[in-house]
Amino acid sequence: MKRSGITTITSNPYGNSTHWSLCLVALFVGAAALLVAFYARDGRLLTGGVGTAFFLCGLGMLVRRNCAIDWKQRMVVLEYKLFGKFTLRCKEILISEFDRIVITQHGSSDKRICLVSLLKRSGGKVALRYFDAVEGRVCYSSKDFAERLASDLGLEITDCQQPDERSSLF
């Protein structure tokens, strides 16, 4: 069944509240460390460096990537938004530029994540959605998502759910 309209895909398996909470913690720790570095006599360079790193990470987390599929125009739209409202960058990729849908597993022995992504003919990947997975088991929710997407887009699926210790996300 072909879809019409635009479908937005949420890539983050964890809620928005977790993301924004981590962002605020990073900004707060960074600002506090920079404040301490400003008033401290010793260890200014180390505290300032750590504070700058945390603050820049917090600022980087303010930018979120959204992925949407426009079924009428047959394209994938990647938007990078500040605070989820202001578009900083928008990239449109035609669906015909993609070769297949790939499912891969990443992570450590206690925490695994399945990633469903689109593989470009040129070799690049566009990550669509992450799913929680159990070590040594097939992630059926990622498989169902990929199969529905494959039938709508007319692409093949490559299922690489064998754990690969070299490609860790953590």
Foldseek 3Di string as FASTA:
>chain_A
DADAAKDKFDADPDDPVVLLVLLVVLLVQLVVLQVCLVPDDPPNVVSNVSSVVSNVVSQVSQWDWIWMAHRVQQWIKIFIAGNVPHTPDIDIGHLVQFAAWEWEWAADQQWIKIWIWTAGPVGDIDTGHIDTDHPPDDDVVSVVVRVVVCVNSVHYYDYHHHYDHVHHPD
